[in-house]
Amino acid sequence: MRIDHNHYNMFVEVAEDCPATSAQIPKAKAGAKTVPLMQYEMLAGHPYSYTQEDVLFEVYATRNSIPDELRAEERERFFSKGQPCLRTSSLCKRYGWGIHHNAEGKIALYAIDSTEYQTLKNDSSLKHVRAMRSSRA
């Protein structure tokens, strides 16, 4: 039986040491999409369409050119070992985005400088966690 790597009714606030005071869109480097850019593109245009597992695996599969016909098997293999959650994503650590996980485990991005971010940050019905710090203090 595989472990569920999704979260429910949770808000990931930006990291304590996040340098962004307003949300930024990640940029490609050397003409290639970075992991945070790929995550951003999946989530920004499709709020509450994907789970954390969907995002983590799709980015992995795309970066590793896994063909569609092998994705189901590769997804099982991918999640058979521990995977870092989106609390480690640069979206939350560097670029100023919070991530809300709804009751179904679907996720959406919220800019640190938005009213919606503040509303979610103050919502006592949600579990609140901070993104992982970029550096040790």
C-alpha atoms as a PDB file:
ATOM      1  CA  MET A   1       0.000   0.000   0.000  1.00  0.00           C
ATOM      2  CA  ARG A   2       1.456   3.327  -1.086  1.00  0.00           C
ATOM      3  CA  ILE A   3       1.624   6.312   1.270  1.00  0.00           C
ATOM      4  CA  ASP A   4      -0.461   9.373   0.389  1.00  0.00           C
ATOM      5  CA  HIS A   5       1.961  12.283  -0.096  1.00  0.00           C
ATOM      6  CA  ASN A   6      -0.784  14.904  -0.384  1.00  0.00           C
ATOM      7  CA  HIS A   7      -1.883  17.353   2.293  1.00  0.00           C
ATOM      8  CA  TYR A   8      -5.409  18.445   3.135  1.00  0.00           C
ATOM      9  CA  ASN A   9      -6.790  21.720   4.530  1.00  0.00           C
ATOM     10  CA  MET A  10      -3.294  23.139   4.890  1.00  0.00           C
ATOM     11  CA  PHE A  11      -1.626  26.425   3.996  1.00  0.00           C
ATOM     12  CA  VAL A  12       2.109  26.579   3.322  1.00  0.00           C
ATOM     13  CA  GLU A  13       3.291  30.082   4.125  1.00  0.00           C
ATOM     14  CA  VAL A  14       6.454  31.479   2.581  1.00  0.00           C
ATOM     15  CA  ALA A  15       9.708  30.688   4.357  1.00  0.00           C
ATOM     16  CA  GLU A  16      10.869  32.959   7.172  1.00  0.00           C
ATOM     17  CA  ASP A  17      13.940  33.885   5.157  1.00  0.00           C
ATOM     18  CA  CYS A  18      12.145  34.371   1.818  1.00  0.00           C
ATOM     19  CA  PRO A  19      13.658  37.480   0.185  1.00  0.00           C
ATOM     20  CA  ALA A  20      10.524  38.322  -1.840  1.00  0.00           C
ATOM     21  CA  THR A  21       8.058  40.894  -0.492  1.00  0.00           C
ATOM     22  CA  SER A  22       5.895  40.430  -3.561  1.00  0.00           C
ATOM     23  CA  ALA A  23       5.444  37.243  -5.562  1.00  0.00           C
ATOM     24  CA  GLN A  24       7.734  36.739  -8.531  1.00  0.00           C
ATOM     25  CA  ILE A  25       7.437  34.434 -11.525  1.00  0.00           C
ATOM     26  CA  PRO A  26      10.482  32.131 -11.787  1.00  0.00           C
ATOM     27  CA  LYS A  27      12.582  32.484 -14.922  1.00  0.00           C
ATOM     28  CA  ALA A  28      14.160  29.909 -17.212  1.00  0.00           C
ATOM     29  CA  LYS A  29      17.926  29.492 -16.987  1.00  0.00           C
ATOM     30  CA  ALA A  30      20.109  28.971 -20.048  1.00  0.00           C
ATOM     31  CA  GLY A  31      16.971  28.536 -22.139  1.00  0.00           C
ATOM     32  CA  ALA A  32      15.674  25.639 -20.017  1.00  0.00           C
ATOM     33  CA  LYS A  33      12.699  25.642 -17.687  1.00  0.00           C
ATOM     34  CA  THR A  34      13.664  25.321 -14.034  1.00  0.00           C
ATOM     35  CA  VAL A  35      11.771  23.177 -11.520  1.00  0.00           C
ATOM     36  CA  PRO A  36      10.109  26.227  -9.894  1.00  0.00           C
ATOM     37  CA  LEU A  37       9.083  27.569 -13.312  1.00  0.00           C
ATOM     38  CA  MET A  38       7.559  24.213 -14.258  1.00  0.00           C
ATOM     39  CA  GLN A  39       5.701  24.074 -10.925  1.00  0.00           C
ATOM     40  CA  TYR A  40       4.506  27.655 -11.367  1.00  0.00           C
ATOM     41  CA  GLU A  41       3.237  27.004 -14.891  1.00  0.00           C
ATOM     42  CA  MET A  42       1.280  23.949 -13.751  1.00  0.00           C
ATOM     43  CA  LEU A  43      -0.344  25.738 -10.832  1.00  0.00           C
ATOM     44  CA  ALA A  44      -0.776  29.369 -11.874  1.00  0.00           C
ATOM     45  CA  GLY A  45      -3.198  28.686 -14.696  1.00  0.00           C
ATOM     46  CA  HIS A  46      -4.946  25.752 -13.056  1.00  0.00           C
ATOM     47  CA  PRO A  47      -5.794  26.449  -9.404  1.00  0.00           C
ATOM     48  CA  TYR A  48      -7.128  23.421  -7.540  1.00  0.00           C
ATOM     49  CA  SER A  49      -6.647  21.140 -10.558  1.00  0.00           C
ATOM     50  CA  TYR A  50      -3.651  19.185  -9.257  1.00  0.00           C
ATOM     51  CA  THR A  51      -2.520  17.536  -6.049  1.00  0.00           C
ATOM     52  CA  GLN A  52       0.969  17.838  -4.632  1.00  0.00           C
ATOM     53  CA  GLU A  53       1.699  14.329  -5.964  1.00  0.00           C
ATOM     54  CA  ASP A  54       0.550  15.366  -9.445  1.00  0.00           C
ATOM     55  CA  VAL A  55       2.892  18.355  -9.496  1.00  0.00           C
ATOM     56  CA  LEU A  56       5.894  16.532  -8.062  1.00  0.00           C
ATOM     57  CA  PHE A  57       5.572  13.614 -10.460  1.00  0.00           C
ATOM     58  CA  GLU A  58       4.730  15.632 -13.583  1.00  0.00           C
ATOM     59  CA  VAL A  59       7.803  17.831 -13.142  1.00  0.00           C
ATOM     60  CA  TYR A  60       9.946  14.731 -12.562  1.00  0.00           C
ATOM     61  CA  ALA A  61       8.451  12.928 -15.585  1.00  0.00           C
ATOM     62  CA  THR A  62       8.887  15.924 -17.875  1.00  0.00           C
ATOM     63  CA  ARG A  63      12.482  16.535 -16.797  1.00  0.00           C
ATOM     64  CA  ASN A  64      13.278  12.847 -17.316  1.00  0.00           C
ATOM     65  CA  SER A  65      11.377  12.488 -20.619  1.00  0.00           C
ATOM     66  CA  ILE A  66       9.229   9.631 -19.344  1.00  0.00           C
ATOM     67  CA  PRO A  67       6.838   8.560 -22.130  1.00  0.00           C
ATOM     68  CA  ASP A  68       3.101   8.610 -21.439  1.00  0.00           C
ATOM     69  CA  GLU A  69       2.753   4.824 -21.669  1.00  0.00           C
ATOM     70  CA  LEU A  70       5.252   4.349 -18.795  1.00  0.00           C
ATOM     71  CA  ARG A  71       3.999   7.102 -16.500  1.00  0.00           C
ATOM     72  CA  ALA A  72       1.631   5.027 -14.340  1.00  0.00           C
ATOM     73  CA  GLU A  73       4.347   2.491 -13.554  1.00  0.00           C
ATOM     74  CA  GLU A  74       6.981   5.205 -13.063  1.00  0.00           C
ATOM     75  CA  ARG A  75       4.658   7.158 -10.770  1.00  0.00           C
ATOM     76  CA  GLU A  76       4.329   4.120  -8.482  1.00  0.00           C
ATOM     77  CA  ARG A  77       8.111   3.722  -8.464  1.00  0.00           C
ATOM     78  CA  PHE A  78       8.639   7.462  -7.857  1.00  0.00           C
ATOM     79  CA  PHE A  79       6.413   7.514  -4.781  1.00  0.00           C
ATOM     80  CA  SER A  80       7.649   4.174  -3.428  1.00  0.00           C
ATOM     81  CA  LYS A  81      10.515   6.116  -1.871  1.00  0.00           C
ATOM     82  CA  GLY A  82      10.275   9.326   0.111  1.00  0.00           C
ATOM     83  CA  GLN A  83       9.843  12.565  -1.825  1.00  0.00           C
ATOM     84  CA  PRO A  84      10.261  16.107  -0.530  1.00  0.00           C
ATOM     85  CA  CYS A  85       6.964  17.982  -0.316  1.00  0.00           C
ATOM     86  CA  LEU A  86       6.264  21.392  -1.790  1.00  0.00           C
ATOM     87  CA  ARG A  87       7.424  23.026   1.455  1.00  0.00           C
ATOM     88  CA  THR A  88      10.871  22.651  -0.110  1.00  0.00           C
ATOM     89  CA  SER A  89       9.857  24.358  -3.367  1.00  0.00           C
ATOM     90  CA  SER A  90      11.606  27.558  -4.343  1.00  0.00           C
ATOM     91  CA  LEU A  91       8.157  28.975  -5.056  1.00  0.00           C
ATOM     92  CA  CYS A  92       7.688  29.232  -1.276  1.00  0.00           C
ATOM     93  CA  LYS A  93      11.335  29.662  -0.300  1.00  0.00           C
ATOM     94  CA  ARG A  94      12.484  32.270  -2.816  1.00  0.00           C
ATOM     95  CA  TYR A  95       9.680  33.564  -5.037  1.00  0.00           C
ATOM     96  CA  GLY A  96       6.991  34.614  -2.509  1.00  0.00           C
ATOM     97  CA  TRP A  97       4.196  32.120  -3.185  1.00  0.00           C
ATOM     98  CA  GLY A  98       2.058  30.381  -0.575  1.00  0.00           C
ATOM     99  CA  ILE A  99       0.391  27.064  -1.374  1.00  0.00           C
ATOM    100  CA  HIS A 100      -3.115  26.185  -0.222  1.00  0.00           C
ATOM    101  CA  HIS A 101      -4.123  22.511  -0.078  1.00  0.00           C
ATOM    102  CA  ASN A 102      -7.922  22.213  -0.030  1.00  0.00           C
ATOM    103  CA  ALA A 103     -10.071  19.457   1.504  1.00  0.00           C
ATOM    104  CA  GLU A 104      -9.593  17.260  -1.596  1.00  0.00           C
ATOM    105  CA  GLY A 105      -5.808  17.744  -1.575  1.00  0.00           C
ATOM    106  CA  LYS A 106      -5.873  19.983  -4.669  1.00  0.00           C
ATOM    107  CA  ILE A 107      -3.530  22.967  -4.550  1.00  0.00           C
ATOM    108  CA  ALA A 108      -3.351  26.598  -5.624  1.00  0.00           C
ATOM    109  CA  LEU A 109      -0.740  29.344  -5.440  1.00  0.00           C
ATOM    110  CA  TYR A 110      -1.266  32.632  -3.626  1.00  0.00           C
ATOM    111  CA  ALA A 111       1.046  35.634  -3.872  1.00  0.00           C
ATOM    112  CA  ILE A 112       2.447  36.844  -0.552  1.00  0.00           C
ATOM    113  CA  ASP A 113       1.291  40.375  -1.362  1.00  0.00           C
ATOM    114  CA  SER A 114      -2.331  39.370  -2.093  1.00  0.00           C
ATOM    115  CA  THR A 115      -5.458  39.742   0.010  1.00  0.00           C
ATOM    116  CA  GLU A 116      -6.167  36.034  -0.523  1.00  0.00           C
ATOM    117  CA  TYR A 117      -2.778  35.097   0.979  1.00  0.00           C
ATOM    118  CA  GLN A 118      -3.548  37.150   4.096  1.00  0.00           C
ATOM    119  CA  THR A 119      -7.014  35.588   4.363  1.00  0.00           C
ATOM    120  CA  LEU A 120      -5.568  32.064   4.173  1.00  0.00           C
ATOM    121  CA  LYS A 121      -2.750  32.972   6.584  1.00  0.00           C
ATOM    122  CA  ASN A 122      -5.347  34.045   9.151  1.00  0.00           C
ATOM    123  CA  ASP A 123      -7.743  31.122   8.581  1.00  0.00           C
ATOM    124  CA  SER A 124      -7.754  29.160  11.839  1.00  0.00           C
ATOM    125  CA  SER A 125      -9.583  26.228  10.223  1.00  0.00           C
ATOM    126  CA  LEU A 126      -6.427  25.366   8.238  1.00  0.00           C
ATOM    127  CA  LYS A 127      -3.249  23.697   9.381  1.00  0.00           C
ATOM    128  CA  HIS A 128      -0.407  26.207   8.924  1.00  0.00           C
ATOM    129  CA  VAL A 129       3.198  25.359   8.122  1.00  0.00           C
ATOM    130  CA  ARG A 130       6.080  27.451   6.877  1.00  0.00           C
ATOM    131  CA  ALA A 131       8.113  26.577   3.825  1.00  0.00           C
ATOM    132  CA  MET A 132      11.564  25.257   4.636  1.00  0.00           C
ATOM    133  CA  ARG A 133      14.203  27.904   5.243  1.00  0.00           C
ATOM    134  CA  SER A 134      16.844  28.362   2.562  1.00  0.00           C
ATOM    135  CA  SER A 135      19.618  28.721   5.092  1.00  0.00           C
ATOM    136  CA  ARG A 136      20.326  27.587   8.601  1.00  0.00           C
ATOM    137  CA  ALA A 137      19.939  30.311  11.184  1.00  0.00           C
END
